[in-house]
Amino acid sequence: MELETSGRFRVLASPRDRTELLLLDHEEFDPVYVATEGYDGVLGDAVADLRPGYLIDATLRWSEDGDPRFADLSVERRDELTFADDVTGIFEAAKETWYTAEADGEGMNSRVTRDTDGEPNGVLYVFAEQPGARDLFEEFRSGVLPLEPLLQRVEEGRDDDEGRAIFVLRPADEPFLVVYIVFTQDGLLDRTIRDTYDLHD
């Protein structure tokens, strides 16, 4: 007998296999791997369109062997999630945010960034790297450490429907990790980051 469950999920790339996606429950952050091959019609098109970062409502059908597949899905937000390792020339706002954390003896810090007109355009987080203890970059990428609490905090303070551009950057020569949530996808700041660090698909 097949079991169906429904919920809201954040889409991540699977660290195991390119023919599946990793979904994180939007509330509990429980991970589930879902196959992306073997669908037809409208559902097949919807599955093929999924990208890391999307927030979706989905019904999953669990087979007798315990492997879930999509039974239905709709995209609620087309946020875009990008990971980049060994980034060189990290931008000054990230360094300044980290220096403040160091001065305060803190392992993380955050700030709202603004455009040239003084309007907020993103939220920047920095986290101390923990060599030999934890690999925060991989934990974010695999969903062990969910990004969702940071994203939910941003959405609580926004009243627009813009898709966000979410960057997780590990500098090659700095002792911190960057999570940058850019408010407007495909806006000037998003394009600048992608151009600077060659993050175009």
C-alpha atoms as a PDB file:
ATOM      1  CA  MET A   1       0.000   0.000   0.000  1.00  0.00           C
ATOM      2  CA  GLU A   2       1.392   3.386  -1.002  1.00  0.00           C
ATOM      3  CA  LEU A   3       1.439   6.266   1.451  1.00  0.00           C
ATOM      4  CA  GLU A   4       1.137   9.909   0.486  1.00  0.00           C
ATOM      5  CA  THR A   5       2.336  12.865   2.533  1.00  0.00           C
ATOM      6  CA  SER A   6       2.012  16.560   1.739  1.00  0.00           C
ATOM      7  CA  GLY A   7       3.985  19.555   2.921  1.00  0.00           C
ATOM      8  CA  ARG A   8       6.084  22.569   2.099  1.00  0.00           C
ATOM      9  CA  PHE A   9       9.721  21.996   1.232  1.00  0.00           C
ATOM     10  CA  ARG A  10      12.903  23.868   0.340  1.00  0.00           C
ATOM     11  CA  VAL A  11      14.648  22.320  -2.671  1.00  0.00           C
ATOM     12  CA  LEU A  12      18.367  21.542  -2.461  1.00  0.00           C
ATOM     13  CA  ALA A  13      20.667  19.783  -4.888  1.00  0.00           C
ATOM     14  CA  SER A  14      21.322  16.218  -3.817  1.00  0.00           C
ATOM     15  CA  PRO A  15      24.876  15.597  -2.581  1.00  0.00           C
ATOM     16  CA  ARG A  16      24.434  11.923  -3.531  1.00  0.00           C
ATOM     17  CA  ASP A  17      22.989  11.642  -7.035  1.00  0.00           C
ATOM     18  CA  ARG A  18      22.072  13.962  -9.909  1.00  0.00           C
ATOM     19  CA  THR A  19      18.822  12.071 -10.592  1.00  0.00           C
ATOM     20  CA  GLU A  20      17.293  13.161  -7.302  1.00  0.00           C
ATOM     21  CA  LEU A  21      16.716  16.298  -5.265  1.00  0.00           C
ATOM     22  CA  LEU A  22      17.025  16.840  -1.544  1.00  0.00           C
ATOM     23  CA  LEU A  23      13.934  18.380   0.032  1.00  0.00           C
ATOM     24  CA  LEU A  24      13.957  19.949   3.488  1.00  0.00           C
ATOM     25  CA  ASP A  25      10.683  20.242   5.341  1.00  0.00           C
ATOM     26  CA  HIS A  26       9.911  23.942   5.733  1.00  0.00           C
ATOM     27  CA  GLU A  27       9.066  23.658   9.431  1.00  0.00           C
ATOM     28  CA  GLU A  28      10.883  20.646  10.881  1.00  0.00           C
ATOM     29  CA  PHE A  29      13.833  20.678   8.415  1.00  0.00           C
ATOM     30  CA  ASP A  30      13.644  16.891   8.026  1.00  0.00           C
ATOM     31  CA  PRO A  31      15.455  15.783   4.834  1.00  0.00           C
ATOM     32  CA  VAL A  32      14.003  13.539   2.140  1.00  0.00           C
ATOM     33  CA  TYR A  33      15.538  12.492  -1.175  1.00  0.00           C
ATOM     34  CA  VAL A  34      13.114  12.398  -4.104  1.00  0.00           C
ATOM     35  CA  ALA A  35      13.770  10.930  -7.562  1.00  0.00           C
ATOM     36  CA  THR A  36      13.537  13.325 -10.515  1.00  0.00           C
ATOM     37  CA  GLU A  37      13.305  10.812 -13.395  1.00  0.00           C
ATOM     38  CA  GLY A  38      10.389   8.853 -14.791  1.00  0.00           C
ATOM     39  CA  TYR A  39       7.648  11.480 -14.711  1.00  0.00           C
ATOM     40  CA  ASP A  40       5.342  12.363 -17.595  1.00  0.00           C
ATOM     41  CA  GLY A  41       3.140  15.232 -18.696  1.00  0.00           C
ATOM     42  CA  VAL A  42       2.562  18.314 -16.586  1.00  0.00           C
ATOM     43  CA  LEU A  43       4.141  16.747 -13.496  1.00  0.00           C
ATOM     44  CA  GLY A  44       7.218  15.781 -15.501  1.00  0.00           C
ATOM     45  CA  ASP A  45       7.605  19.365 -16.714  1.00  0.00           C
ATOM     46  CA  ALA A  46       7.170  20.701 -13.158  1.00  0.00           C
ATOM     47  CA  VAL A  47       9.802  18.318 -11.763  1.00  0.00           C
ATOM     48  CA  ALA A  48      12.232  19.152 -14.569  1.00  0.00           C
ATOM     49  CA  ASP A  49      11.795  22.866 -13.817  1.00  0.00           C
ATOM     50  CA  LEU A  50      12.792  22.579 -10.136  1.00  0.00           C
ATOM     51  CA  ARG A  51      15.969  24.361  -9.094  1.00  0.00           C
ATOM     52  CA  PRO A  52      17.897  24.567  -5.805  1.00  0.00           C
ATOM     53  CA  GLY A  53      16.362  27.258  -3.635  1.00  0.00           C
ATOM     54  CA  TYR A  54      12.764  26.852  -4.790  1.00  0.00           C
ATOM     55  CA  LEU A  55      10.120  26.690  -2.070  1.00  0.00           C
ATOM     56  CA  ILE A  56       7.445  24.198  -3.083  1.00  0.00           C
ATOM     57  CA  ASP A  57       4.212  22.642  -1.920  1.00  0.00           C
ATOM     58  CA  ALA A  58       4.380  18.961  -2.769  1.00  0.00           C
ATOM     59  CA  THR A  59       2.672  15.643  -2.263  1.00  0.00           C
ATOM     60  CA  LEU A  60       5.078  12.727  -2.034  1.00  0.00           C
ATOM     61  CA  ARG A  61       4.049   9.153  -2.727  1.00  0.00           C
ATOM     62  CA  TRP A  62       6.012   6.557  -0.791  1.00  0.00           C
ATOM     63  CA  SER A  63       6.382   3.173  -2.457  1.00  0.00           C
ATOM     64  CA  GLU A  64       6.716  -0.174  -0.698  1.00  0.00           C
ATOM     65  CA  ASP A  65      10.512  -0.036  -0.996  1.00  0.00           C
ATOM     66  CA  GLY A  66      10.490   3.251   0.932  1.00  0.00           C
ATOM     67  CA  ASP A  67      11.549   5.539  -1.909  1.00  0.00           C
ATOM     68  CA  PRO A  68       9.378   8.660  -2.361  1.00  0.00           C
ATOM     69  CA  ARG A  69       8.352  10.199  -5.673  1.00  0.00           C
ATOM     70  CA  PHE A  70       6.460  13.354  -6.510  1.00  0.00           C
ATOM     71  CA  ALA A  71       2.709  12.844  -6.818  1.00  0.00           C
ATOM     72  CA  ASP A  72       1.981  16.554  -7.183  1.00  0.00           C
ATOM     73  CA  LEU A  73       3.813  19.845  -6.728  1.00  0.00           C
ATOM     74  CA  SER A  74       3.482  23.579  -7.120  1.00  0.00           C
ATOM     75  CA  VAL A  75       6.156  26.240  -6.781  1.00  0.00           C
ATOM     76  CA  GLU A  76       5.466  28.871  -4.140  1.00  0.00           C
ATOM     77  CA  ARG A  77       8.693  30.876  -4.494  1.00  0.00           C
ATOM     78  CA  ARG A  78      11.402  30.674  -7.139  1.00  0.00           C
ATOM     79  CA  ASP A  79      14.302  31.582  -4.875  1.00  0.00           C
ATOM     80  CA  GLU A  80      17.703  30.665  -6.299  1.00  0.00           C
ATOM     81  CA  LEU A  81      20.396  29.041  -4.159  1.00  0.00           C
ATOM     82  CA  THR A  82      24.048  29.120  -5.192  1.00  0.00           C
ATOM     83  CA  PHE A  83      27.072  27.599  -3.438  1.00  0.00           C
ATOM     84  CA  ALA A  84      30.647  28.627  -4.244  1.00  0.00           C
ATOM     85  CA  ASP A  85      33.807  27.286  -2.612  1.00  0.00           C
ATOM     86  CA  ASP A  86      37.321  28.769  -2.616  1.00  0.00           C
ATOM     87  CA  VAL A  87      36.073  32.251  -3.508  1.00  0.00           C
ATOM     88  CA  THR A  88      38.866  34.794  -3.897  1.00  0.00           C
ATOM     89  CA  GLY A  89      38.618  38.533  -3.348  1.00  0.00           C
ATOM     90  CA  ILE A  90      35.674  38.472  -0.970  1.00  0.00           C
ATOM     91  CA  PHE A  91      33.823  41.799  -0.867  1.00  0.00           C
ATOM     92  CA  GLU A  92      34.528  44.413   1.799  1.00  0.00           C
ATOM     93  CA  ALA A  93      31.088  44.323   3.458  1.00  0.00           C
ATOM     94  CA  ALA A  94      31.672  40.685   4.374  1.00  0.00           C
ATOM     95  CA  LYS A  95      35.110  41.445   5.806  1.00  0.00           C
ATOM     96  CA  GLU A  96      33.796  44.374   7.838  1.00  0.00           C
ATOM     97  CA  THR A  97      30.957  42.267   9.209  1.00  0.00           C
ATOM     98  CA  TRP A  98      33.447  39.601  10.222  1.00  0.00           C
ATOM     99  CA  TYR A  99      35.841  42.096  11.839  1.00  0.00           C
ATOM    100  CA  THR A 100      32.961  43.310  14.013  1.00  0.00           C
ATOM    101  CA  ALA A 101      32.205  39.737  15.049  1.00  0.00           C
ATOM    102  CA  GLU A 102      35.856  39.193  15.954  1.00  0.00           C
ATOM    103  CA  ALA A 103      36.017  42.419  17.952  1.00  0.00           C
ATOM    104  CA  ASP A 104      32.908  41.366  19.890  1.00  0.00           C
ATOM    105  CA  GLY A 105      34.212  37.834  20.444  1.00  0.00           C
ATOM    106  CA  GLU A 106      31.314  36.360  18.480  1.00  0.00           C
ATOM    107  CA  GLY A 107      31.280  33.406  16.093  1.00  0.00           C
ATOM    108  CA  MET A 108      28.758  35.023  13.754  1.00  0.00           C
ATOM    109  CA  ASN A 109      27.411  38.408  12.761  1.00  0.00           C
ATOM    110  CA  SER A 110      24.910  39.911  10.340  1.00  0.00           C
ATOM    111  CA  ARG A 111      24.064  43.212   8.708  1.00  0.00           C
ATOM    112  CA  VAL A 112      21.580  44.683   6.278  1.00  0.00           C
ATOM    113  CA  THR A 113      23.274  45.929   3.112  1.00  0.00           C
ATOM    114  CA  ARG A 114      22.042  48.912   1.115  1.00  0.00           C
ATOM    115  CA  ASP A 115      22.290  50.175  -2.435  1.00  0.00           C
ATOM    116  CA  THR A 116      23.696  53.558  -3.471  1.00  0.00           C
ATOM    117  CA  ASP A 117      20.337  55.200  -2.686  1.00  0.00           C
ATOM    118  CA  GLY A 118      20.366  53.818   0.847  1.00  0.00           C
ATOM    119  CA  GLU A 119      17.630  51.250   0.185  1.00  0.00           C
ATOM    120  CA  PRO A 120      18.038  47.786   1.780  1.00  0.00           C
ATOM    121  CA  ASN A 121      19.050  45.220  -0.847  1.00  0.00           C
ATOM    122  CA  GLY A 122      20.091  42.188   1.186  1.00  0.00           C
ATOM    123  CA  VAL A 123      21.040  40.590   4.484  1.00  0.00           C
ATOM    124  CA  LEU A 124      24.580  39.397   4.979  1.00  0.00           C
ATOM    125  CA  TYR A 125      25.607  36.726   7.504  1.00  0.00           C
ATOM    126  CA  VAL A 126      29.120  35.620   8.391  1.00  0.00           C
ATOM    127  CA  PHE A 127      29.983  32.493  10.368  1.00  0.00           C
ATOM    128  CA  ALA A 128      33.329  31.486  11.826  1.00  0.00           C
ATOM    129  CA  GLU A 129      34.856  28.518  10.063  1.00  0.00           C
ATOM    130  CA  GLN A 130      35.630  25.606  12.376  1.00  0.00           C
ATOM    131  CA  PRO A 131      38.522  23.644  10.837  1.00  0.00           C
ATOM    132  CA  GLY A 132      38.724  20.112  12.156  1.00  0.00           C
ATOM    133  CA  ALA A 133      35.417  20.429  13.985  1.00  0.00           C
ATOM    134  CA  ARG A 134      32.599  21.252  11.565  1.00  0.00           C
ATOM    135  CA  ASP A 135      32.413  21.996   7.875  1.00  0.00           C
ATOM    136  CA  LEU A 136      29.653  24.608   7.805  1.00  0.00           C
ATOM    137  CA  PHE A 137      29.766  24.944   4.027  1.00  0.00           C
ATOM    138  CA  GLU A 138      29.004  21.249   3.533  1.00  0.00           C
ATOM    139  CA  GLU A 139      26.440  21.281   6.327  1.00  0.00           C
ATOM    140  CA  PHE A 140      24.512  24.055   4.590  1.00  0.00           C
ATOM    141  CA  ARG A 141      24.854  22.320   1.213  1.00  0.00           C
ATOM    142  CA  SER A 142      23.655  18.945   2.515  1.00  0.00           C
ATOM    143  CA  GLY A 143      20.849  20.396   4.633  1.00  0.00           C
ATOM    144  CA  VAL A 144      22.353  19.217   7.925  1.00  0.00           C
ATOM    145  CA  LEU A 145      22.405  22.885   8.914  1.00  0.00           C
ATOM    146  CA  PRO A 146      19.249  24.435   7.398  1.00  0.00           C
ATOM    147  CA  LEU A 147      19.243  27.870   5.827  1.00  0.00           C
ATOM    148  CA  GLU A 148      15.509  28.113   6.425  1.00  0.00           C
ATOM    149  CA  PRO A 149      15.633  30.029   9.755  1.00  0.00           C
ATOM    150  CA  LEU A 150      17.715  32.756   8.084  1.00  0.00           C
ATOM    151  CA  LEU A 151      15.333  32.913   5.124  1.00  0.00           C
ATOM    152  CA  GLN A 152      12.251  32.976   7.314  1.00  0.00           C
ATOM    153  CA  ARG A 153      13.707  35.874   9.287  1.00  0.00           C
ATOM    154  CA  VAL A 154      14.185  37.822   6.060  1.00  0.00           C
ATOM    155  CA  GLU A 155      10.656  37.093   4.849  1.00  0.00           C
ATOM    156  CA  GLU A 156       9.169  38.286   8.135  1.00  0.00           C
ATOM    157  CA  GLY A 157      10.561  41.728   7.400  1.00  0.00           C
ATOM    158  CA  ARG A 158       9.599  41.880   3.713  1.00  0.00           C
ATOM    159  CA  ASP A 159       6.212  42.437   2.100  1.00  0.00           C
ATOM    160  CA  ASP A 160       7.071  41.751  -1.549  1.00  0.00           C
ATOM    161  CA  ASP A 161       6.884  38.648  -3.724  1.00  0.00           C
ATOM    162  CA  GLU A 162      10.349  38.948  -5.224  1.00  0.00           C
ATOM    163  CA  GLY A 163      12.372  35.779  -5.624  1.00  0.00           C
ATOM    164  CA  ARG A 164      15.514  35.895  -3.489  1.00  0.00           C
ATOM    165  CA  ALA A 165      19.046  35.104  -4.612  1.00  0.00           C
ATOM    166  CA  ILE A 166      20.789  33.146  -1.868  1.00  0.00           C
ATOM    167  CA  PHE A 167      24.561  32.781  -1.921  1.00  0.00           C
ATOM    168  CA  VAL A 168      26.678  30.559   0.320  1.00  0.00           C
ATOM    169  CA  LEU A 169      30.308  31.525  -0.238  1.00  0.00           C
ATOM    170  CA  ARG A 170      33.448  30.073   1.331  1.00  0.00           C
ATOM    171  CA  PRO A 171      36.399  32.447   0.854  1.00  0.00           C
ATOM    172  CA  ALA A 172      39.705  30.827  -0.017  1.00  0.00           C
ATOM    173  CA  ASP A 173      41.746  33.028   2.312  1.00  0.00           C
ATOM    174  CA  GLU A 174      39.399  34.154   5.099  1.00  0.00           C
ATOM    175  CA  PRO A 175      38.391  32.408   8.368  1.00  0.00           C
ATOM    176  CA  PHE A 176      34.649  32.821   7.814  1.00  0.00           C
ATOM    177  CA  LEU A 177      31.742  31.622   5.702  1.00  0.00           C
ATOM    178  CA  VAL A 178      29.286  34.001   4.001  1.00  0.00           C
ATOM    179  CA  VAL A 179      25.543  33.572   3.573  1.00  0.00           C
ATOM    180  CA  TYR A 180      24.120  36.450   1.549  1.00  0.00           C
ATOM    181  CA  ILE A 181      20.369  36.723   0.970  1.00  0.00           C
ATOM    182  CA  VAL A 182      19.811  39.220  -1.828  1.00  0.00           C
ATOM    183  CA  PHE A 183      16.297  40.641  -1.881  1.00  0.00           C
ATOM    184  CA  THR A 184      15.827  40.971  -5.651  1.00  0.00           C
ATOM    185  CA  GLN A 185      16.712  38.090  -7.910  1.00  0.00           C
ATOM    186  CA  ASP A 186      18.324  39.176 -11.186  1.00  0.00           C
ATOM    187  CA  GLY A 187      18.700  42.704  -9.814  1.00  0.00           C
ATOM    188  CA  LEU A 188      21.906  44.720  -9.834  1.00  0.00           C
ATOM    189  CA  LEU A 189      23.348  43.197  -6.661  1.00  0.00           C
ATOM    190  CA  ASP A 190      22.550  39.636  -7.753  1.00  0.00           C
ATOM    191  CA  ARG A 191      24.167  40.192 -11.161  1.00  0.00           C
ATOM    192  CA  THR A 192      27.200  41.891  -9.598  1.00  0.00           C
ATOM    193  CA  ILE A 193      27.885  38.946  -7.295  1.00  0.00           C
ATOM    194  CA  ARG A 194      27.503  36.458 -10.145  1.00  0.00           C
ATOM    195  CA  ASP A 195      29.794  38.482 -12.410  1.00  0.00           C
ATOM    196  CA  THR A 196      32.407  39.006  -9.696  1.00  0.00           C
ATOM    197  CA  TYR A 197      32.674  35.340  -8.744  1.00  0.00           C
ATOM    198  CA  ASP A 198      31.749  33.785 -12.099  1.00  0.00           C
ATOM    199  CA  LEU A 199      28.607  32.151 -10.753  1.00  0.00           C
ATOM    200  CA  HIS A 200      26.569  32.036 -13.948  1.00  0.00           C
ATOM    201  CA  ASP A 201      25.123  28.684 -14.991  1.00  0.00           C
END
